[in-house]
């Protein structure tokens, strides 16, 4: 699992989501932030949504606002989950002479 460090002063992080295993068909995937030791809205702004990849599209971004305050803090963390992948292309192999 990738670990990315961002400073509060950055204000935002953009996470790249890459579509793998081909570019045929339409693919959707839901995403959401999940608190670990960082909490919304004190440390970051919760986001949730759906990314939609059209045929031929490989890259999408998830943007998350990071809350900057004047209080020095230890490192905190949250994660982004990808769920409910749908779509793409399925190939069915049929033997010659198979009527199904």
PDB file of N, CA and C in Angstrom:
ATOM      1  N   UNK A   1       0.852  -1.176   0.000  1.00  0.00           N
ATOM      2  CA  UNK A   1       0.000   0.000   0.000  1.00  0.00           C
ATOM      3  C   UNK A   1       0.895   1.234   0.000  1.00  0.00           C
ATOM      4  N   UNK A   2       0.735   2.105  -0.982  1.00  0.00           N
ATOM      5  CA  UNK A   2       1.559   3.318  -1.038  1.00  0.00           C
ATOM      6  C   UNK A   2       1.312   4.224   0.169  1.00  0.00           C
ATOM      7  N   UNK A   3       2.358   4.873   0.619  1.00  0.00           N
ATOM      8  CA  UNK A   3       2.285   5.835   1.718  1.00  0.00           C
ATOM      9  C   UNK A   3       2.781   7.167   1.170  1.00  0.00           C
ATOM     10  N   UNK A   4       1.959   8.200   1.264  1.00  0.00           N
ATOM     11  CA  UNK A   4       2.312   9.519   0.740  1.00  0.00           C
ATOM     12  C   UNK A   4       2.292  10.502   1.889  1.00  0.00           C
ATOM     13  N   UNK A   5       3.334  11.323   1.992  1.00  0.00           N
ATOM     14  CA  UNK A   5       3.407  12.339   3.033  1.00  0.00           C
ATOM     15  C   UNK A   5       3.104  13.699   2.429  1.00  0.00           C
ATOM     16  N   UNK A   6       2.281  14.464   3.126  1.00  0.00           N
ATOM     17  CA  UNK A   6       1.933  15.812   2.682  1.00  0.00           C
ATOM     18  C   UNK A   6       1.998  16.740   3.890  1.00  0.00           C
ATOM     19  N   UNK A   7       2.433  17.962   3.680  1.00  0.00           N
ATOM     20  CA  UNK A   7       2.476  18.964   4.746  1.00  0.00           C
ATOM     21  C   UNK A   7       1.157  19.725   4.771  1.00  0.00           C
ATOM     22  N   UNK A   8       0.743  20.159   5.963  1.00  0.00           N
ATOM     23  CA  UNK A   8      -0.498  20.930   6.073  1.00  0.00           C
ATOM     24  C   UNK A   8      -0.479  22.158   5.170  1.00  0.00           C
ATOM     25  N   UNK A   9       0.691  22.793   5.072  1.00  0.00           N
ATOM     26  CA  UNK A   9       0.815  24.016   4.283  1.00  0.00           C
ATOM     27  C   UNK A   9       0.506  23.789   2.804  1.00  0.00           C
ATOM     28  N   UNK A  10       0.600  22.552   2.344  1.00  0.00           N
ATOM     29  CA  UNK A  10       0.312  22.255   0.934  1.00  0.00           C
ATOM     30  C   UNK A  10      -1.152  22.508   0.605  1.00  0.00           C
ATOM     31  N   UNK A  11      -2.029  22.331   1.575  1.00  0.00           N
ATOM     32  CA  UNK A  11      -3.440  22.652   1.387  1.00  0.00           C
ATOM     33  C   UNK A  11      -4.267  21.632   0.630  1.00  0.00           C
ATOM     34  N   UNK A  12      -3.625  20.828  -0.205  1.00  0.00           N
ATOM     35  CA  UNK A  12      -4.361  19.846  -1.008  1.00  0.00           C
ATOM     36  C   UNK A  12      -3.409  18.746  -1.449  1.00  0.00           C
ATOM     37  N   UNK A  13      -3.962  17.574  -1.617  1.00  0.00           N
ATOM     38  CA  UNK A  13      -3.205  16.483  -2.225  1.00  0.00           C
ATOM     39  C   UNK A  13      -4.038  15.932  -3.373  1.00  0.00           C
ATOM     40  N   UNK A  14      -3.372  15.660  -4.489  1.00  0.00           N
ATOM     41  CA  UNK A  14      -4.030  15.048  -5.649  1.00  0.00           C
ATOM     42  C   UNK A  14      -3.453  13.658  -5.819  1.00  0.00           C
ATOM     43  N   UNK A  15      -4.324  12.669  -5.717  1.00  0.00           N
ATOM     44  CA  UNK A  15      -3.903  11.276  -5.839  1.00  0.00           C
ATOM     45  C   UNK A  15      -4.249  10.760  -7.225  1.00  0.00           C
ATOM     46  N   UNK A  16      -3.271  10.199  -7.887  1.00  0.00           N
ATOM     47  CA  UNK A  16      -3.451   9.656  -9.226  1.00  0.00           C
ATOM     48  C   UNK A  16      -4.005   8.239  -9.140  1.00  0.00           C
ATOM     49  N   UNK A  17      -5.089   7.987  -9.866  1.00  0.00           N
ATOM     50  CA  UNK A  17      -5.664   6.646  -9.979  1.00  0.00           C
ATOM     51  C   UNK A  17      -5.433   6.195 -11.412  1.00  0.00           C
ATOM     52  N   UNK A  18      -4.778   5.057 -11.586  1.00  0.00           N
ATOM     53  CA  UNK A  18      -4.422   4.559 -12.911  1.00  0.00           C
ATOM     54  C   UNK A  18      -5.243   3.320 -13.227  1.00  0.00           C
ATOM     55  N   UNK A  19      -5.877   3.358 -14.366  1.00  0.00           N
ATOM     56  CA  UNK A  19      -6.625   2.198 -14.852  1.00  0.00           C
ATOM     57  C   UNK A  19      -5.629   1.210 -15.450  1.00  0.00           C
ATOM     58  N   UNK A  20      -5.681  -0.026 -14.984  1.00  0.00           N
ATOM     59  CA  UNK A  20      -4.755  -1.053 -15.459  1.00  0.00           C
ATOM     60  C   UNK A  20      -5.522  -2.154 -16.175  1.00  0.00           C
ATOM     61  N   UNK A  21      -4.810  -3.051 -16.813  1.00  0.00           N
ATOM     62  CA  UNK A  21      -5.386  -4.229 -17.466  1.00  0.00           C
ATOM     63  C   UNK A  21      -6.262  -3.884 -18.660  1.00  0.00           C
ATOM     64  N   UNK A  22      -5.885  -2.888 -19.417  1.00  0.00           N
ATOM     65  CA  UNK A  22      -6.603  -2.588 -20.649  1.00  0.00           C
ATOM     66  C   UNK A  22      -7.441  -1.333 -20.571  1.00  0.00           C
ATOM     67  N   UNK A  23      -7.801  -0.837 -21.748  1.00  0.00           N
ATOM     68  CA  UNK A  23      -8.528   0.425 -21.844  1.00  0.00           C
ATOM     69  C   UNK A  23      -9.867   0.284 -22.544  1.00  0.00           C
ATOM     70  N   UNK A  24     -10.333  -0.944 -22.745  1.00  0.00           N
ATOM     71  CA  UNK A  24     -11.603  -1.154 -23.435  1.00  0.00           C
ATOM     72  C   UNK A  24     -12.764  -1.061 -22.452  1.00  0.00           C
ATOM     73  N   UNK A  25     -13.873  -0.536 -22.916  1.00  0.00           N
ATOM     74  CA  UNK A  25     -15.075  -0.471 -22.091  1.00  0.00           C
ATOM     75  C   UNK A  25     -15.031   0.649 -21.069  1.00  0.00           C
ATOM     76  N   UNK A  26     -16.186   0.917 -20.502  1.00  0.00           N
ATOM     77  CA  UNK A  26     -16.345   1.938 -19.469  1.00  0.00           C
ATOM     78  C   UNK A  26     -16.161   1.271 -18.106  1.00  0.00           C
ATOM     79  N   UNK A  27     -15.421   1.932 -17.207  1.00  0.00           N
ATOM     80  CA  UNK A  27     -15.163   1.403 -15.871  1.00  0.00           C
ATOM     81  C   UNK A  27     -15.496   2.487 -14.847  1.00  0.00           C
ATOM     82  N   UNK A  28     -16.191   2.105 -13.775  1.00  0.00           N
ATOM     83  CA  UNK A  28     -16.420   3.023 -12.664  1.00  0.00           C
ATOM     84  C   UNK A  28     -15.870   2.401 -11.391  1.00  0.00           C
ATOM     85  N   UNK A  29     -15.414   3.264 -10.499  1.00  0.00           N
ATOM     86  CA  UNK A  29     -14.936   2.824  -9.194  1.00  0.00           C
ATOM     87  C   UNK A  29     -15.292   3.910  -8.178  1.00  0.00           C
ATOM     88  N   UNK A  30     -15.837   3.497  -7.059  1.00  0.00           N
ATOM     89  CA  UNK A  30     -16.156   4.434  -5.988  1.00  0.00           C
ATOM     90  C   UNK A  30     -14.919   4.638  -5.120  1.00  0.00           C
ATOM     91  N   UNK A  31     -14.849   5.808  -4.464  1.00  0.00           N
ATOM     92  CA  UNK A  31     -13.748   6.086  -3.543  1.00  0.00           C
ATOM     93  C   UNK A  31     -14.286   6.823  -2.326  1.00  0.00           C
ATOM     94  N   UNK A  32     -13.539   6.708  -1.222  1.00  0.00           N
ATOM     95  CA  UNK A  32     -13.881   7.450  -0.006  1.00  0.00           C
ATOM     96  C   UNK A  32     -12.654   7.542   0.886  1.00  0.00           C
ATOM     97  N   UNK A  33     -12.591   8.618   1.664  1.00  0.00           N
ATOM     98  CA  UNK A  33     -11.541   8.746   2.664  1.00  0.00           C
ATOM     99  C   UNK A  33     -12.008   8.081   3.950  1.00  0.00           C
ATOM    100  N   UNK A  34     -11.046   7.539   4.697  1.00  0.00           N
ATOM    101  CA  UNK A  34     -11.334   6.865   5.964  1.00  0.00           C
ATOM    102  C   UNK A  34     -10.318   7.365   6.998  1.00  0.00           C
ATOM    103  N   UNK A  35     -10.811   7.862   8.118  1.00  0.00           N
ATOM    104  CA  UNK A  35      -9.933   8.362   9.183  1.00  0.00           C
ATOM    105  C   UNK A  35      -9.155   7.227   9.827  1.00  0.00           C
ATOM    106  N   UNK A  36      -7.884   7.490  10.105  1.00  0.00           N
ATOM    107  CA  UNK A  36      -7.056   6.600  10.926  1.00  0.00           C
ATOM    108  C   UNK A  36      -6.682   7.402  12.173  1.00  0.00           C
ATOM    109  N   UNK A  37      -5.583   8.173  12.102  1.00  0.00           N
ATOM    110  CA  UNK A  37      -5.256   9.075  13.214  1.00  0.00           C
ATOM    111  C   UNK A  37      -5.575  10.524  12.886  1.00  0.00           C
ATOM    112  N   UNK A  38      -5.868  10.820  11.635  1.00  0.00           N
ATOM    113  CA  UNK A  38      -6.315  12.154  11.206  1.00  0.00           C
ATOM    114  C   UNK A  38      -7.834  12.125  11.081  1.00  0.00           C
ATOM    115  N   UNK A  39      -8.459  13.248  11.426  1.00  0.00           N
ATOM    116  CA  UNK A  39      -9.917  13.292  11.413  1.00  0.00           C
ATOM    117  C   UNK A  39     -10.428  14.492  10.625  1.00  0.00           C
ATOM    118  N   UNK A  40     -11.547  14.301   9.951  1.00  0.00           N
ATOM    119  CA  UNK A  40     -12.211  15.366   9.209  1.00  0.00           C
ATOM    120  C   UNK A  40     -13.200  16.054  10.149  1.00  0.00           C
ATOM    121  N   UNK A  41     -13.324  17.352  10.105  1.00  0.00           N
ATOM    122  CA  UNK A  41     -12.660  18.341   9.258  1.00  0.00           C
ATOM    123  C   UNK A  41     -11.423  18.974   9.892  1.00  0.00           C
ATOM    124  N   UNK A  42     -11.013  18.500  11.066  1.00  0.00           N
ATOM    125  CA  UNK A  42      -9.891  19.108  11.779  1.00  0.00           C
ATOM    126  C   UNK A  42      -8.587  18.978  11.000  1.00  0.00           C
ATOM    127  N   UNK A  43      -8.339  17.821  10.377  1.00  0.00           N
ATOM    128  CA  UNK A  43      -7.073  17.563   9.694  1.00  0.00           C
ATOM    129  C   UNK A  43      -7.191  17.543   8.171  1.00  0.00           C
ATOM    130  N   UNK A  44      -8.324  17.130   7.654  1.00  0.00           N
ATOM    131  CA  UNK A  44      -8.559  17.067   6.211  1.00  0.00           C
ATOM    132  C   UNK A  44     -10.067  17.065   5.979  1.00  0.00           C
ATOM    133  N   UNK A  45     -10.477  17.237   4.731  1.00  0.00           N
ATOM    134  CA  UNK A  45     -11.898  17.223   4.386  1.00  0.00           C
ATOM    135  C   UNK A  45     -12.255  15.872   3.781  1.00  0.00           C
ATOM    136  N   UNK A  46     -13.209  15.183   4.397  1.00  0.00           N
ATOM    137  CA  UNK A  46     -13.687  13.913   3.844  1.00  0.00           C
ATOM    138  C   UNK A  46     -14.134  14.092   2.404  1.00  0.00           C
ATOM    139  N   UNK A  47     -13.845  13.116   1.572  1.00  0.00           N
ATOM    140  CA  UNK A  47     -14.377  13.094   0.207  1.00  0.00           C
ATOM    141  C   UNK A  47     -14.858  11.684  -0.103  1.00  0.00           C
ATOM    142  N   UNK A  48     -15.832  11.622  -0.962  1.00  0.00           N
ATOM    143  CA  UNK A  48     -16.345  10.347  -1.467  1.00  0.00           C
ATOM    144  C   UNK A  48     -16.938  10.639  -2.829  1.00  0.00           C
ATOM    145  N   UNK A  49     -16.890   9.663  -3.705  1.00  0.00           N
ATOM    146  CA  UNK A  49     -17.447   9.869  -5.031  1.00  0.00           C
ATOM    147  C   UNK A  49     -17.201   8.672  -5.917  1.00  0.00           C
ATOM    148  N   UNK A  50     -17.383   8.902  -7.199  1.00  0.00           N
ATOM    149  CA  UNK A  50     -17.198   7.856  -8.201  1.00  0.00           C
ATOM    150  C   UNK A  50     -16.322   8.391  -9.321  1.00  0.00           C
ATOM    151  N   UNK A  51     -15.319   7.621  -9.688  1.00  0.00           N
ATOM    152  CA  UNK A  51     -14.510   7.930 -10.866  1.00  0.00           C
ATOM    153  C   UNK A  51     -15.076   7.138 -12.029  1.00  0.00           C
ATOM    154  N   UNK A  52     -15.184   7.781 -13.176  1.00  0.00           N
ATOM    155  CA  UNK A  52     -15.706   7.113 -14.368  1.00  0.00           C
ATOM    156  C   UNK A  52     -14.664   7.199 -15.479  1.00  0.00           C
ATOM    157  N   UNK A  53     -14.145   6.051 -15.866  1.00  0.00           N
ATOM    158  CA  UNK A  53     -13.177   5.960 -16.950  1.00  0.00           C
ATOM    159  C   UNK A  53     -13.926   5.580 -18.223  1.00  0.00           C
ATOM    160  N   UNK A  54     -13.834   6.407 -19.236  1.00  0.00           N
ATOM    161  CA  UNK A  54     -14.418   6.093 -20.536  1.00  0.00           C
ATOM    162  C   UNK A  54     -13.443   5.193 -21.302  1.00  0.00           C
ATOM    163  N   UNK A  55     -13.912   4.508 -22.352  1.00  0.00           N
ATOM    164  CA  UNK A  55     -12.997   3.688 -23.151  1.00  0.00           C
ATOM    165  C   UNK A  55     -11.785   4.518 -23.598  1.00  0.00           C
ATOM    166  N   UNK A  56     -10.609   3.979 -23.416  1.00  0.00           N
ATOM    167  CA  UNK A  56      -9.378   4.656 -23.803  1.00  0.00           C
ATOM    168  C   UNK A  56      -8.804   5.574 -22.735  1.00  0.00           C
ATOM    169  N   UNK A  57      -9.534   5.829 -21.667  1.00  0.00           N
ATOM    170  CA  UNK A  57      -9.084   6.729 -20.608  1.00  0.00           C
ATOM    171  C   UNK A  57      -8.328   5.942 -19.541  1.00  0.00           C
ATOM    172  N   UNK A  58      -7.133   6.414 -19.174  1.00  0.00           N
ATOM    173  CA  UNK A  58      -6.277   5.673 -18.250  1.00  0.00           C
ATOM    174  C   UNK A  58      -6.125   6.348 -16.885  1.00  0.00           C
ATOM    175  N   UNK A  59      -6.192   7.693 -16.800  1.00  0.00           N
ATOM    176  CA  UNK A  59      -5.856   8.410 -15.571  1.00  0.00           C
ATOM    177  C   UNK A  59      -7.016   9.253 -15.042  1.00  0.00           C
ATOM    178  N   UNK A  60      -7.167   9.269 -13.726  1.00  0.00           N
ATOM    179  CA  UNK A  60      -8.093  10.150 -13.011  1.00  0.00           C
ATOM    180  C   UNK A  60      -7.402  10.585 -11.723  1.00  0.00           C
ATOM    181  N   UNK A  61      -7.887  11.676 -11.144  1.00  0.00           N
ATOM    182  CA  UNK A  61      -7.332  12.175  -9.888  1.00  0.00           C
ATOM    183  C   UNK A  61      -8.409  12.273  -8.817  1.00  0.00           C
ATOM    184  N   UNK A  62      -8.008  12.056  -7.581  1.00  0.00           N
ATOM    185  CA  UNK A  62      -8.833  12.319  -6.407  1.00  0.00           C
ATOM    186  C   UNK A  62      -8.141  13.455  -5.657  1.00  0.00           C
ATOM    187  N   UNK A  63      -8.850  14.564  -5.439  1.00  0.00           N
ATOM    188  CA  UNK A  63      -8.298  15.712  -4.714  1.00  0.00           C
ATOM    189  C   UNK A  63      -8.858  15.747  -3.302  1.00  0.00           C
ATOM    190  N   UNK A  64      -7.968  15.959  -2.335  1.00  0.00           N
ATOM    191  CA  UNK A  64      -8.360  16.011  -0.927  1.00  0.00           C
ATOM    192  C   UNK A  64      -7.767  17.274  -0.313  1.00  0.00           C
ATOM    193  N   UNK A  65      -8.627  18.099   0.289  1.00  0.00           N
ATOM    194  CA  UNK A  65      -8.167  19.309   0.966  1.00  0.00           C
ATOM    195  C   UNK A  65      -7.600  18.951   2.331  1.00  0.00           C
ATOM    196  N   UNK A  66      -6.413  19.505   2.612  1.00  0.00           N
ATOM    197  CA  UNK A  66      -5.739  19.307   3.887  1.00  0.00           C
ATOM    198  C   UNK A  66      -5.936  20.576   4.714  1.00  0.00           C
ATOM    199  N   UNK A  67      -6.363  20.432   5.961  1.00  0.00           N
ATOM    200  CA  UNK A  67      -6.635  21.579   6.827  1.00  0.00           C
ATOM    201  C   UNK A  67      -5.335  22.066   7.452  1.00  0.00           C
ATOM    202  N   UNK A  68      -5.023  23.340   7.230  1.00  0.00           N
ATOM    203  CA  UNK A  68      -3.818  23.947   7.798  1.00  0.00           C
ATOM    204  C   UNK A  68      -4.220  24.740   9.039  1.00  0.00           C
ATOM    205  N   UNK A  69      -3.525  24.504  10.130  1.00  0.00           N
ATOM    206  CA  UNK A  69      -3.743  25.309  11.332  1.00  0.00           C
ATOM    207  C   UNK A  69      -2.391  25.639  11.948  1.00  0.00           C
ATOM    208  N   UNK A  70      -2.399  26.497  12.946  1.00  0.00           N
ATOM    209  CA  UNK A  70      -1.133  26.967  13.526  1.00  0.00           C
ATOM    210  C   UNK A  70      -0.618  26.072  14.652  1.00  0.00           C
ATOM    211  N   UNK A  71      -1.283  24.966  14.911  1.00  0.00           N
ATOM    212  CA  UNK A  71      -0.890  24.077  16.007  1.00  0.00           C
ATOM    213  C   UNK A  71       0.104  23.029  15.501  1.00  0.00           C
ATOM    214  N   UNK A  72       1.320  22.990  16.071  1.00  0.00           N
ATOM    215  CA  UNK A  72       2.272  21.946  15.675  1.00  0.00           C
ATOM    216  C   UNK A  72       1.721  20.565  16.067  1.00  0.00           C
ATOM    217  N   UNK A  73       1.835  19.608  15.154  1.00  0.00           N
ATOM    218  CA  UNK A  73       1.255  18.287  15.396  1.00  0.00           C
ATOM    219  C   UNK A  73       2.207  17.186  14.954  1.00  0.00           C
ATOM    220  N   UNK A  74       2.009  16.019  15.519  1.00  0.00           N
ATOM    221  CA  UNK A  74       2.724  14.838  15.058  1.00  0.00           C
ATOM    222  C   UNK A  74       2.102  14.375  13.744  1.00  0.00           C
ATOM    223  N   UNK A  75       2.769  13.443  13.092  1.00  0.00           N
ATOM    224  CA  UNK A  75       2.240  12.899  11.840  1.00  0.00           C
ATOM    225  C   UNK A  75       0.900  12.213  12.087  1.00  0.00           C
ATOM    226  N   UNK A  76      -0.044  12.484  11.204  1.00  0.00           N
ATOM    227  CA  UNK A  76      -1.369  11.855  11.274  1.00  0.00           C
ATOM    228  C   UNK A  76      -1.652  11.197   9.942  1.00  0.00           C
ATOM    229  N   UNK A  77      -2.618  10.279   9.940  1.00  0.00           N
ATOM    230  CA  UNK A  77      -2.878   9.570   8.683  1.00  0.00           C
ATOM    231  C   UNK A  77      -4.360   9.273   8.481  1.00  0.00           C
ATOM    232  N   UNK A  78      -4.697   9.144   7.213  1.00  0.00           N
ATOM    233  CA  UNK A  78      -6.007   8.669   6.774  1.00  0.00           C
ATOM    234  C   UNK A  78      -5.753   7.849   5.526  1.00  0.00           C
ATOM    235  N   UNK A  79      -6.746   7.126   5.084  1.00  0.00           N
ATOM    236  CA  UNK A  79      -6.561   6.341   3.863  1.00  0.00           C
ATOM    237  C   UNK A  79      -7.682   6.637   2.881  1.00  0.00           C
ATOM    238  N   UNK A  80      -7.427   6.279   1.643  1.00  0.00           N
ATOM    239  CA  UNK A  80      -8.429   6.389   0.586  1.00  0.00           C
ATOM    240  C   UNK A  80      -8.716   4.977   0.103  1.00  0.00           C
ATOM    241  N   UNK A  81      -9.983   4.597   0.159  1.00  0.00           N
ATOM    242  CA  UNK A  81     -10.399   3.267  -0.292  1.00  0.00           C
ATOM    243  C   UNK A  81     -11.030   3.365  -1.670  1.00  0.00           C
ATOM    244  N   UNK A  82     -10.717   2.387  -2.514  1.00  0.00           N
ATOM    245  CA  UNK A  82     -11.381   2.220  -3.807  1.00  0.00           C
ATOM    246  C   UNK A  82     -12.288   1.014  -3.683  1.00  0.00           C
ATOM    247  N   UNK A  83     -13.565   1.166  -4.064  1.00  0.00           N
ATOM    248  CA  UNK A  83     -14.536   0.092  -3.886  1.00  0.00           C
ATOM    249  C   UNK A  83     -15.469  -0.033  -5.081  1.00  0.00           C
ATOM    250  N   UNK A  84     -16.116  -1.169  -5.149  1.00  0.00           N
ATOM    251  CA  UNK A  84     -17.203  -1.412  -6.109  1.00  0.00           C
ATOM    252  C   UNK A  84     -16.816  -1.118  -7.557  1.00  0.00           C
ATOM    253  N   UNK A  85     -15.738  -1.706  -7.977  1.00  0.00           N
ATOM    254  CA  UNK A  85     -15.308  -1.592  -9.365  1.00  0.00           C
ATOM    255  C   UNK A  85     -16.339  -2.249 -10.276  1.00  0.00           C
ATOM    256  N   UNK A  86     -16.728  -1.538 -11.332  1.00  0.00           N
ATOM    257  CA  UNK A  86     -17.687  -2.088 -12.293  1.00  0.00           C
ATOM    258  C   UNK A  86     -17.252  -1.756 -13.709  1.00  0.00           C
ATOM    259  N   UNK A  87     -17.546  -2.678 -14.613  1.00  0.00           N
ATOM    260  CA  UNK A  87     -17.338  -2.407 -16.022  1.00  0.00           C
ATOM    261  C   UNK A  87     -16.111  -3.083 -16.579  1.00  0.00           C
ATOM    262  N   UNK A  88     -15.666  -2.556 -17.696  1.00  0.00           N
ATOM    263  CA  UNK A  88     -14.573  -3.156 -18.426  1.00  0.00           C
ATOM    264  C   UNK A  88     -15.117  -4.060 -19.511  1.00  0.00           C
ATOM    265  N   UNK A  89     -14.294  -4.932 -19.974  1.00  0.00           N
ATOM    266  CA  UNK A  89     -14.676  -5.846 -21.044  1.00  0.00           C
ATOM    267  C   UNK A  89     -14.440  -7.270 -20.572  1.00  0.00           C
ATOM    268  N   UNK A  90     -15.410  -8.111 -20.784  1.00  0.00           N
ATOM    269  CA  UNK A  90     -15.273  -9.541 -20.493  1.00  0.00           C
ATOM    270  C   UNK A  90     -15.177 -10.286 -21.816  1.00  0.00           C
ATOM    271  N   UNK A  91     -14.301 -11.241 -21.879  1.00  0.00           N
ATOM    272  CA  UNK A  91     -14.199 -12.077 -23.070  1.00  0.00           C
ATOM    273  C   UNK A  91     -14.649 -13.476 -22.709  1.00  0.00           C
ATOM    274  N   UNK A  92     -15.470 -14.053 -23.553  1.00  0.00           N
ATOM    275  CA  UNK A  92     -15.943 -15.416 -23.342  1.00  0.00           C
ATOM    276  C   UNK A  92     -15.373 -16.286 -24.447  1.00  0.00           C
ATOM    277  N   UNK A  93     -14.727 -17.356 -24.066  1.00  0.00           N
ATOM    278  CA  UNK A  93     -14.180 -18.294 -25.036  1.00  0.00           C
ATOM    279  C   UNK A  93     -15.167 -19.437 -25.196  1.00  0.00           C
ATOM    280  N   UNK A  94     -15.515 -19.741 -26.437  1.00  0.00           N
ATOM    281  CA  UNK A  94     -16.468 -20.813 -26.725  1.00  0.00           C
ATOM    282  C   UNK A  94     -15.767 -21.818 -27.621  1.00  0.00           C
ATOM    283  N   UNK A  95     -15.880 -23.091 -27.264  1.00  0.00           N
ATOM    284  CA  UNK A  95     -15.284 -24.134 -28.094  1.00  0.00           C
ATOM    285  C   UNK A  95     -16.038 -24.247 -29.409  1.00  0.00           C
ATOM    286  N   UNK A  96     -15.342 -24.592 -30.439  1.00  0.00           N
ATOM    287  CA  UNK A  96     -15.980 -24.799 -31.741  1.00  0.00           C
ATOM    288  C   UNK A  96     -17.050 -25.867 -31.610  1.00  0.00           C
ATOM    289  N   UNK A  97     -18.238 -25.591 -32.125  1.00  0.00           N
ATOM    290  CA  UNK A  97     -19.334 -26.549 -32.074  1.00  0.00           C
ATOM    291  C   UNK A  97     -20.145 -26.484 -30.798  1.00  0.00           C
ATOM    292  N   UNK A  98     -19.743 -25.647 -29.848  1.00  0.00           N
ATOM    293  CA  UNK A  98     -20.503 -25.513 -28.600  1.00  0.00           C
ATOM    294  C   UNK A  98     -21.682 -24.585 -28.858  1.00  0.00           C
ATOM    295  N   UNK A  99     -22.880 -25.048 -28.614  1.00  0.00           N
ATOM    296  CA  UNK A  99     -24.097 -24.300 -28.926  1.00  0.00           C
ATOM    297  C   UNK A  99     -24.514 -23.346 -27.807  1.00  0.00           C
ATOM    298  N   UNK A 100     -23.831 -23.340 -26.696  1.00  0.00           N
ATOM    299  CA  UNK A 100     -24.267 -22.519 -25.567  1.00  0.00           C
ATOM    300  C   UNK A 100     -24.032 -21.091 -25.770  1.00  0.00           C
TER     301      UNK A 100
END
